[in-house]
Protein backbone atom coordinates (compact mmCIF):
# COMPACT_ATOMS: atom_id res chain seq x y z
CA MET A 1 0.00 0.00 0.00
CA ARG A 2 1.26 3.50 -0.88
CA PRO A 3 0.20 6.86 0.59
CA GLN A 4 -0.48 8.31 -2.86
CA ASP A 5 -2.97 5.53 -3.60
CA VAL A 6 -4.96 6.40 -0.48
CA ILE A 7 -4.80 10.11 -1.37
CA ARG A 8 -5.93 9.47 -4.95
CA LYS A 9 -8.88 7.35 -3.83
CA LYS A 10 -10.20 10.01 -1.45
CA ARG A 11 -9.40 12.78 -3.95
CA ASP A 12 -11.70 11.02 -6.42
CA GLY A 13 -14.53 10.84 -3.90
CA GLU A 14 -14.30 7.15 -3.11
CA HIS A 15 -14.65 5.63 0.36
CA LEU A 16 -11.54 4.49 2.21
CA SER A 17 -11.41 1.08 3.83
CA ARG A 18 -10.48 0.57 7.48
CA LYS A 19 -7.22 -1.05 6.32
CA GLU A 20 -6.30 2.01 4.22
CA ILE A 21 -7.09 4.42 7.06
CA ASP A 22 -5.15 2.31 9.59
CA PHE A 23 -2.17 2.24 7.20
CA PHE A 24 -2.18 5.99 6.75
CA ILE A 25 -2.60 6.90 10.44
CA ASP A 26 0.12 4.42 11.41
CA GLY A 27 2.39 6.14 8.90
CA VAL A 28 1.54 9.55 10.37
CA THR A 29 2.22 8.34 13.92
CA HIS A 30 5.61 6.86 13.06
CA GLU A 31 6.55 9.75 10.73
CA GLN A 32 6.78 7.45 7.70
CA ILE A 33 4.50 9.61 5.55
CA ALA A 34 5.64 13.07 4.42
CA ASP A 35 3.83 16.18 5.65
CA TYR A 36 2.91 17.14 2.09
CA GLN A 37 1.17 13.78 1.63
CA VAL A 38 -0.67 14.11 4.95
CA SER A 39 -1.72 17.62 3.90
CA ALA A 40 -3.02 16.28 0.59
CA LEU A 41 -5.21 13.71 2.33
CA LEU A 42 -6.52 16.32 4.76
CA MET A 43 -7.62 18.52 1.87
CA ALA A 44 -9.21 15.55 0.09
CA ILE A 45 -11.20 14.75 3.26
CA TYR A 46 -12.14 18.43 3.63
CA LEU A 47 -13.46 18.55 0.05
CA ASN A 48 -15.13 15.13 -0.17
CA GLY A 49 -16.08 14.32 3.43
CA MET A 50 -16.36 10.85 4.94
CA ASN A 51 -19.22 8.44 5.50
CA GLN A 52 -19.98 7.03 8.95
CA ALA A 53 -17.82 3.93 8.49
CA GLU A 54 -14.82 6.03 7.42
CA GLN A 55 -15.44 8.47 10.25
CA GLN A 56 -15.43 5.70 12.84
CA SER A 57 -12.36 4.02 11.33
CA LEU A 58 -10.43 7.30 11.33
CA THR A 59 -11.40 8.03 14.94
CA GLU A 60 -10.47 4.55 16.17
CA ALA A 61 -7.16 4.60 14.29
CA MET A 62 -6.25 7.93 15.89
CA LEU A 63 -7.45 6.78 19.32
CA ASN A 64 -5.31 3.63 19.08
CA SER A 65 -2.23 5.53 17.84
CA GLY A 66 -1.05 5.95 21.44
CA THR A 67 -1.75 5.00 25.04
CA ILE A 68 -5.35 4.40 26.13
CA LEU A 69 -5.67 5.17 29.82
CA ASP A 70 -7.38 2.55 31.97
CA PHE A 71 -9.15 3.69 35.12
CA THR A 72 -11.44 0.69 35.54
CA ASP A 73 -9.98 0.08 39.00
CA ILE A 74 -11.41 3.44 40.15
CA GLY A 75 -14.88 2.53 41.34
CA LYS A 76 -16.71 5.53 39.89
CA PRO A 77 -18.17 6.31 36.47
CA LYS A 78 -15.72 8.20 34.25
CA ALA A 79 -17.10 11.18 32.32
CA ASP A 80 -15.93 14.40 30.71
CA LYS A 81 -17.23 17.48 28.95
CA HIS A 82 -15.81 19.05 25.79
CA SER A 83 -16.55 22.45 24.26
CA THR A 84 -15.88 23.37 20.65
CA GLY A 85 -14.67 26.76 21.91
CA GLY A 86 -15.81 30.33 22.24
CA VAL A 87 -15.23 33.67 23.93
CA GLY A 88 -15.53 33.78 27.71
CA ASP A 89 -16.31 30.04 27.81
CA LYS A 90 -15.04 29.03 31.25
CA THR A 91 -17.51 26.29 32.18
CA SER A 92 -14.86 23.53 32.51
CA LEU A 93 -13.47 25.29 35.59
CA ILE A 94 -16.86 24.90 37.29
CA ILE A 95 -18.05 21.61 35.79
CA ALA A 96 -15.05 19.46 36.73
CA PRO A 97 -15.14 20.11 40.51
CA LEU A 98 -18.94 20.26 40.58
CA VAL A 99 -19.42 16.87 38.90
CA ALA A 100 -16.54 15.32 40.86
CA ALA A 101 -18.19 16.49 44.11
CA CYS A 102 -21.27 14.52 43.02
CA GLY A 103 -19.34 11.26 42.57
CA VAL A 104 -18.18 11.25 38.95
CA CYS A 105 -14.52 10.67 38.09
CA VAL A 106 -13.42 13.36 35.58
CA PRO A 107 -10.13 12.78 33.67
CA MET A 108 -10.18 16.04 31.70
CA ILE A 109 -7.70 16.62 28.89
CA SER A 110 -7.97 20.27 27.87
CA GLY A 111 -6.46 22.63 25.31
CA ARG A 112 -4.99 26.09 24.95
CA GLY A 113 -6.56 29.14 23.36
CA LEU A 114 -5.77 30.09 19.79
CA GLY A 115 -7.08 32.98 17.72
CA HIS A 116 -10.22 34.49 19.20
CA THR A 117 -11.02 31.61 21.58
CA GLY A 118 -9.79 31.08 25.13
CA GLY A 119 -8.17 27.92 26.49
CA THR A 120 -8.80 26.11 29.77
CA LEU A 121 -5.09 25.41 30.32
CA ASP A 122 -4.19 29.10 29.99
CA LYS A 123 -6.85 30.07 32.52
CA LEU A 124 -5.63 27.44 34.99
CA GLU A 125 -2.03 28.61 34.64
CA SER A 126 -3.05 32.05 35.94
CA ILE A 127 -3.29 30.31 39.33
CA PRO A 128 0.21 30.52 40.88
CA GLY A 129 2.04 27.20 40.60
CA TYR A 130 -0.76 25.26 38.85
CA ARG A 131 0.67 22.49 36.63
CA VAL A 132 -1.05 21.26 33.47
CA ASN A 133 1.81 19.07 32.20
CA LEU A 134 1.41 16.10 34.51
CA SER A 135 2.86 12.72 33.61
CA ILE A 136 0.41 9.84 33.23
CA THR A 137 1.45 8.58 36.69
CA GLU A 138 0.78 12.01 38.22
CA PHE A 139 -2.47 12.26 36.25
CA ARG A 140 -3.74 9.03 37.82
CA HIS A 141 -2.59 10.05 41.30
CA VAL A 142 -4.53 13.34 41.21
CA LEU A 143 -7.57 11.60 39.76
CA GLU A 144 -7.61 9.02 42.56
CA ARG A 145 -6.97 11.62 45.27
CA VAL A 146 -9.31 14.40 44.16
CA GLY A 147 -11.86 12.91 41.76
CA TYR A 148 -10.84 15.02 38.80
CA VAL A 149 -7.70 16.17 37.00
CA MET A 150 -7.13 18.82 34.30
CA ASN A 151 -4.16 18.34 32.02
CA GLY A 152 -2.83 19.05 28.55
CA GLN A 153 -2.47 16.44 25.86
CA THR A 154 0.67 14.37 26.35
CA GLY A 155 2.84 12.74 23.70
CA GLU A 156 1.43 9.34 24.64
CA ILE A 157 -2.24 10.22 24.12
CA ALA A 158 -3.51 10.20 20.51
CA PRO A 159 -0.16 11.27 18.99
CA ALA A 160 -1.61 11.06 15.49
CA ASP A 161 -4.08 13.81 16.43
CA LYS A 162 -1.26 16.08 17.56
CA LYS A 163 0.36 15.82 14.12
CA LEU A 164 -2.87 16.17 12.16
CA TYR A 165 -4.06 19.10 14.27
CA ALA A 166 -0.95 21.16 13.48
CA LEU A 167 -1.28 20.44 9.76
CA ARG A 168 -5.02 21.18 9.74
CA ASP A 169 -4.32 24.70 10.95
CA ALA A 170 -1.61 25.17 8.29
CA THR A 171 -3.72 23.76 5.44
CA ALA A 172 -7.03 25.56 6.15
CA THR A 173 -8.87 22.30 6.87
CA VAL A 174 -9.76 23.04 10.52
CA GLU A 175 -13.51 23.25 9.79
CA SER A 176 -13.79 19.74 8.30
CA ILE A 177 -16.44 17.88 10.32
CA PRO A 178 -14.83 14.40 9.98
CA LEU A 179 -11.47 15.80 11.13
CA ILE A 180 -13.03 17.68 14.05
CA VAL A 181 -14.90 14.56 15.17
CA ALA A 182 -11.85 12.29 14.93
CA SER A 183 -9.72 14.81 16.84
CA ILE A 184 -12.17 15.27 19.71
CA ILE A 185 -13.32 11.69 20.15
CA SER A 186 -9.83 10.17 19.84
CA LYS A 187 -8.45 12.39 22.62
CA LYS A 188 -11.45 11.88 24.88
CA GLY A 189 -11.64 8.15 24.18
CA ALA A 190 -7.97 7.76 25.08
CA ALA A 191 -8.82 9.08 28.56
CA GLY A 192 -10.85 5.95 29.30
CA LEU A 193 -14.29 7.59 29.46
CA ASP A 194 -17.65 5.92 30.01
CA ALA A 195 -19.65 9.03 29.12
CA MET A 196 -19.13 12.41 27.49
CA VAL A 197 -21.17 15.59 27.00
CA ILE A 198 -20.15 17.88 24.15
CA ASP A 199 -20.98 21.59 24.12
CA VAL A 200 -21.21 22.55 20.44
CA LYS A 201 -21.09 26.32 20.24
CA VAL A 202 -23.03 28.07 17.48
CA GLY A 203 -23.07 31.75 16.60
CA ASN A 204 -20.77 34.54 15.48
CA GLY A 205 -18.19 33.77 18.19
CA ALA A 206 -18.01 30.06 17.41
CA PHE A 207 -16.08 28.10 14.81
CA MET A 208 -19.46 26.83 13.60
CA ARG A 209 -21.48 29.97 12.89
CA ASN A 210 -24.19 28.27 10.88
CA GLU A 211 -26.75 26.41 13.03
CA ALA A 212 -27.41 23.66 10.47
CA ARG A 213 -23.69 22.94 10.17
CA ALA A 214 -23.28 22.99 13.95
CA GLU A 215 -26.13 20.51 14.23
CA SER A 216 -24.45 18.24 11.65
CA LEU A 217 -21.26 18.35 13.70
CA ALA A 218 -23.15 17.53 16.89
CA HIS A 219 -24.86 14.50 15.30
CA ALA A 220 -21.51 13.26 13.93
CA LEU A 221 -19.84 13.63 17.34
CA VAL A 222 -22.63 11.80 19.14
CA SER A 223 -22.84 8.99 16.59
CA THR A 224 -19.09 8.41 16.52
CA GLY A 225 -18.71 8.69 20.30
CA ASN A 226 -21.44 6.11 20.84
CA SER A 227 -19.90 3.84 18.19
CA CYS A 228 -16.60 3.97 20.10
CA GLY A 229 -18.32 2.80 23.27
CA ILE A 230 -18.63 6.20 24.98
CA ARG A 231 -22.17 7.24 25.97
CA THR A 232 -22.29 10.61 24.21
CA ARG A 233 -24.68 13.55 24.12
CA ALA A 234 -24.32 17.00 22.57
CA LEU A 235 -25.91 20.34 23.39
CA LEU A 236 -26.08 23.19 20.87
CA THR A 237 -25.45 26.38 22.86
CA ASP A 238 -25.36 30.07 22.04
CA MET A 239 -22.11 31.90 21.23
CA ASN A 240 -23.50 35.18 19.89
CA GLN A 241 -22.00 37.13 22.78
CA PRO A 242 -19.25 36.45 25.35
CA LEU A 243 -20.37 33.80 27.83
CA GLY A 244 -20.72 35.43 31.23
CA ARG A 245 -19.27 38.69 32.44
CA THR A 246 -15.54 38.35 31.68
CA VAL A 247 -13.07 37.58 28.91
CA GLY A 248 -9.44 36.92 29.82
CA ASN A 249 -7.58 34.44 31.98
CA ALA A 250 -7.15 35.47 35.62
CA ILE A 251 -10.40 37.45 35.43
CA GLU A 252 -12.31 34.38 34.19
CA VAL A 253 -10.92 32.25 37.02
CA ARG A 254 -12.09 34.95 39.45
CA GLU A 255 -15.56 34.81 37.91
CA CYS A 256 -15.70 31.03 38.40
CA LEU A 257 -14.55 31.31 42.00
CA ASP A 258 -17.26 33.89 42.68
CA LEU A 259 -19.88 31.55 41.24
CA LEU A 260 -18.67 28.56 43.25
CA ARG A 261 -18.71 30.74 46.38
CA GLY A 262 -22.33 31.75 45.73
CA ASP A 263 -21.62 35.31 44.58
CA VAL A 264 -23.64 35.35 41.35
CA HIS A 265 -23.47 38.57 39.34
CA GLU A 266 -26.41 38.73 36.93
CA ALA A 267 -24.15 39.03 33.88
CA ALA A 268 -22.29 35.88 34.98
CA ARG A 269 -25.43 33.80 35.50
CA PRO A 270 -25.32 32.17 32.03
CA VAL A 271 -21.95 30.61 32.98
CA LEU A 272 -23.48 28.99 36.06
CA ASP A 273 -26.71 28.00 34.28
CA LEU A 274 -24.84 26.34 31.41
CA SER A 275 -22.36 24.65 33.77
CA VAL A 276 -25.20 23.13 35.78
CA GLU A 277 -27.05 22.01 32.64
CA LEU A 278 -24.00 20.33 31.09
CA SER A 279 -23.17 18.77 34.47
CA ALA A 280 -26.72 17.43 34.82
CA HIS A 281 -26.41 15.59 31.51
CA MET A 282 -23.06 14.16 32.67
CA LEU A 283 -24.66 12.78 35.85
CA VAL A 284 -27.51 11.19 33.88
CA LEU A 285 -25.20 9.64 31.26
CA SER A 286 -22.96 8.37 34.08
CA GLY A 287 -25.92 6.60 35.67
CA LEU A 288 -25.79 8.53 38.97
CA GLU A 289 -29.19 10.11 38.37
CA SER A 290 -32.14 8.89 36.33
CA SER A 291 -33.53 12.34 35.49
CA LEU A 292 -32.19 15.79 34.69
CA ALA A 293 -34.35 17.27 37.47
CA GLY A 294 -32.77 14.94 40.03
CA ALA A 295 -29.31 15.71 38.67
CA ARG A 296 -29.87 19.47 38.88
CA ALA A 297 -31.03 19.15 42.50
CA ARG A 298 -27.96 17.08 43.37
CA LEU A 299 -25.66 19.63 41.72
CA GLN A 300 -27.33 22.51 43.55
CA ARG A 301 -26.67 20.76 46.86
CA ALA A 302 -22.99 20.43 45.95
CA LEU A 303 -22.87 24.15 45.23
CA ASP A 304 -24.81 25.24 48.32
CA SER A 305 -22.81 23.04 50.70
CA GLY A 306 -19.46 24.28 49.39
CA ALA A 307 -18.50 20.74 48.31
CA ALA A 308 -17.72 21.84 44.73
CA LEU A 309 -15.49 24.69 45.94
CA GLU A 310 -13.68 22.34 48.32
CA CYS A 311 -13.12 19.88 45.47
CA LEU A 312 -11.58 22.68 43.41
CA ARG A 313 -9.34 23.62 46.35
CA ARG A 314 -8.05 20.05 46.66
CA ASN A 315 -7.39 19.85 42.93
CA ILE A 316 -5.42 23.11 42.91
CA GLU A 317 -3.27 21.86 45.77
CA ALA A 318 -2.76 18.43 44.13
CA GLN A 319 -1.65 20.03 40.85
CA GLY A 320 0.89 22.30 42.55
CA GLY A 321 -1.20 25.46 42.73
CA GLU A 322 -1.92 27.89 45.54
CA PRO A 323 -5.13 26.64 47.23
CA ARG A 324 -5.65 29.92 49.11
CA VAL A 325 -6.78 31.40 45.79
CA CYS A 326 -10.22 29.94 46.60
CA ASP A 327 -10.48 32.21 49.65
CA GLU A 328 -8.52 35.25 48.48
CA PRO A 329 -8.77 35.40 44.67
CA GLU A 330 -7.98 39.12 44.61
CA ARG A 331 -4.64 38.38 46.34
CA PHE A 332 -3.46 35.51 44.17
CA LEU A 333 -5.03 36.28 40.77
CA THR A 334 -3.30 39.45 39.60
CA LEU A 335 -5.24 41.76 37.29
CA ALA A 336 -3.83 44.52 35.12
CA GLU A 337 -3.79 47.90 36.88
CA GLY A 338 -4.83 49.90 33.83
CA SER A 339 -8.51 50.24 32.90
CA VAL A 340 -10.22 51.79 29.87
CA LYS A 341 -13.98 52.44 29.92
CA ILE A 342 -16.08 51.43 26.92
CA GLU A 343 -18.98 53.82 26.48
CA SER A 344 -21.92 53.13 24.22
CA PRO A 345 -21.87 54.99 20.87
CA ARG A 346 -25.46 56.08 21.58
CA PRO A 347 -28.28 55.46 24.06
CA GLY A 348 -30.40 52.39 23.34
CA PHE A 349 -30.37 48.61 23.60
CA ILE A 350 -27.63 46.19 22.64
CA THR A 351 -28.95 44.31 19.62
CA ARG A 352 -25.90 42.39 18.40
CA VAL A 353 -22.31 41.61 19.39
CA ASN A 354 -19.49 40.66 17.03
CA THR A 355 -18.16 38.12 19.51
CA THR A 356 -15.15 37.06 17.43
CA GLU A 357 -13.97 40.67 17.33
CA VAL A 358 -14.18 40.88 21.14
CA GLY A 359 -12.00 37.78 21.41
CA HIS A 360 -9.46 39.13 18.92
CA ALA A 361 -9.33 42.48 20.73
CA ILE A 362 -8.36 40.84 24.03
CA ALA A 363 -5.93 38.46 22.31
CA ALA A 364 -4.21 41.48 20.73
CA ILE A 365 -3.33 42.97 24.14
CA GLY A 366 -1.88 39.67 25.38
CA GLY A 367 -4.97 37.84 26.62
CA GLY A 368 -4.79 35.20 23.90
CA ARG A 369 -2.61 33.83 21.12
CA ILE A 370 -2.45 34.83 17.51
CA ARG A 371 0.31 32.21 17.01
CA ILE A 372 0.73 29.07 19.11
CA GLU A 373 4.13 30.26 20.42
CA ASP A 374 2.79 33.60 21.73
CA GLU A 375 3.07 34.34 25.45
CA ILE A 376 -0.11 34.94 27.45
CA ASP A 377 -0.62 37.92 29.76
CA ALA A 378 -3.07 36.45 32.27
CA SER A 379 -3.77 39.81 33.90
CA VAL A 380 -5.53 41.55 30.97
CA GLY A 381 -9.16 41.14 30.04
CA PHE A 382 -12.61 42.56 29.42
CA ILE A 383 -15.43 43.00 31.92
CA THR A 384 -18.83 43.52 30.34
CA GLU A 385 -21.56 45.49 32.06
CA ALA A 386 -24.31 44.80 29.53
CA LYS A 387 -25.60 41.86 27.50
CA ILE A 388 -27.81 41.57 24.42
CA GLY A 389 -31.16 43.20 25.21
CA ASP A 390 -29.76 45.42 27.98
CA GLU A 391 -30.08 49.18 27.88
CA VAL A 392 -26.89 51.26 27.62
CA GLY A 393 -26.26 54.97 27.66
CA PRO A 394 -24.70 57.75 29.73
CA THR A 395 -25.26 55.93 33.01
CA ARG A 396 -24.45 52.39 31.86
CA LEU A 397 -21.23 51.38 30.15
CA ILE A 398 -20.75 48.52 27.72
CA GLY A 399 -17.82 47.51 29.92
CA ARG A 400 -14.11 48.11 30.48
CA VAL A 401 -10.80 46.73 29.33
CA LEU A 402 -8.12 45.77 31.86
CA CYS A 403 -4.68 46.50 30.38
CA ASN A 404 -1.00 47.01 31.18
CA ASP A 405 -0.40 49.26 28.17
CA THR A 406 -2.81 52.21 27.96
CA THR A 407 -2.37 52.69 24.21
CA LYS A 408 -3.10 49.02 23.48
CA GLY A 409 -5.97 49.13 25.98
CA GLN A 410 -7.54 52.06 24.16
CA GLU A 411 -7.19 50.23 20.84
CA ALA A 412 -8.88 47.15 22.31
CA ALA A 413 -11.66 49.28 23.82
CA ALA A 414 -12.28 50.93 20.42
CA ARG A 415 -12.51 47.51 18.74
CA ILE A 416 -14.92 46.20 21.35
CA ARG A 417 -17.02 49.40 21.18
CA GLY A 418 -17.33 48.84 17.44
CA ALA A 419 -18.32 45.20 18.02
CA TYR A 420 -21.47 46.20 19.93
CA GLU A 421 -24.49 47.31 17.90
CA VAL A 422 -27.07 49.50 19.63
CA GLY A 423 -30.67 49.95 18.49
CA ASP A 424 -33.86 51.66 19.63
CA GLU A 425 -35.75 48.52 20.63
CA PRO A 426 -34.59 45.59 22.79
CA PRO A 427 -34.25 42.32 20.84
CA ALA A 428 -35.26 38.95 22.16
CA LYS A 429 -32.73 37.54 24.62
CA PRO A 430 -30.66 34.69 23.11
CA VAL A 431 -31.64 31.14 24.07
CA LEU A 432 -28.68 29.62 25.89
CA VAL A 433 -29.35 25.93 25.09
CA LYS A 434 -30.81 25.57 21.61
CA GLU A 435 -31.05 21.79 21.27
CA VAL A 436 -30.06 18.50 22.91
CA ILE A 437 -28.83 15.80 20.53
CA ASN A 438 -28.78 12.16 21.61
CA GLU A 439 -28.05 10.37 18.33
């Protein structure tokens, strides 16, 4: 078998066999196939798609390209949540300790931010000392001790995905649904999961802006996850404005700590509501609750009792971080000293937000990455004072930018001001959860 034969077959719109896919992924893993040939196949898949059999074969080949973690000796159901990414999306920081406090084991492998989207690992690293590069032995130790662990992808887990992911970005094939599905499910499957809930973002701040395309992705993720033996469910959720009140790294961790401590600012409520909803589905899929209503009640008890916050504290300590951040976030999560107000261009109601532009504006002042090698400034960010449908004017700002460079802060504030459209009449408030997909 030759790589060019596999490329030609997919280029011509034919279906690849499991043997052909296994051959190609094995060649990628062991660096026996040239990058230009891998790139050619990626583009052929982007242009011609894959059927369900190909999709499953690709996912399983990538999943089996490295170590598959085995936590069967831990006597709890294993579950995780994955988000396709957005602006201000910080729910993982709440979901992991909340679900773990309810009895689910959560081996969470997370990613970094790139472009306009934030990354869970970058947010966690704003906590002094917090480590996200644990070895597999350390990973297991924290999981057994705390109930959940949050780590980056290691070289042993789905190494084929690591190679393909880098080339997808370079070859403009990131949006390919089969490649997205194989990437997500292979990484999550390698973590030894029983169940998984996927938050598929849709809207102008998401990678999938079109709702029909987002729904197609959700169905493909659920179908492939289930076929790989992971009980999988997807929720289509809104990303037409930043999720919650903050965008940044340290400032988003502060927002999550406030929510876990019971200090719920109205603008941050969607973060808590979505976290509880995703968590409820995780409890049901894990078999700990038979109904969503029962799961929500159980989760609320974990919040009210402080059990979720205590679980977070133990995780921070176990992963080398400063646990006192849970009690004194303003002391240990440093924010930029500079602040630039964002006034509304006119009195009225916020009708639309260019969410991607907000993300890019904060990335440009150090809050995110334009290139993967860029350094993050965890202290900068954006605090919004108004959401879609809210009234703004002389007495109510759109928000403010936290910055260490006043000139850059003013540039970011101008970009964000231009991203908010103001009209005379309030629009309907966005629906946070648009659809639940089970198959």
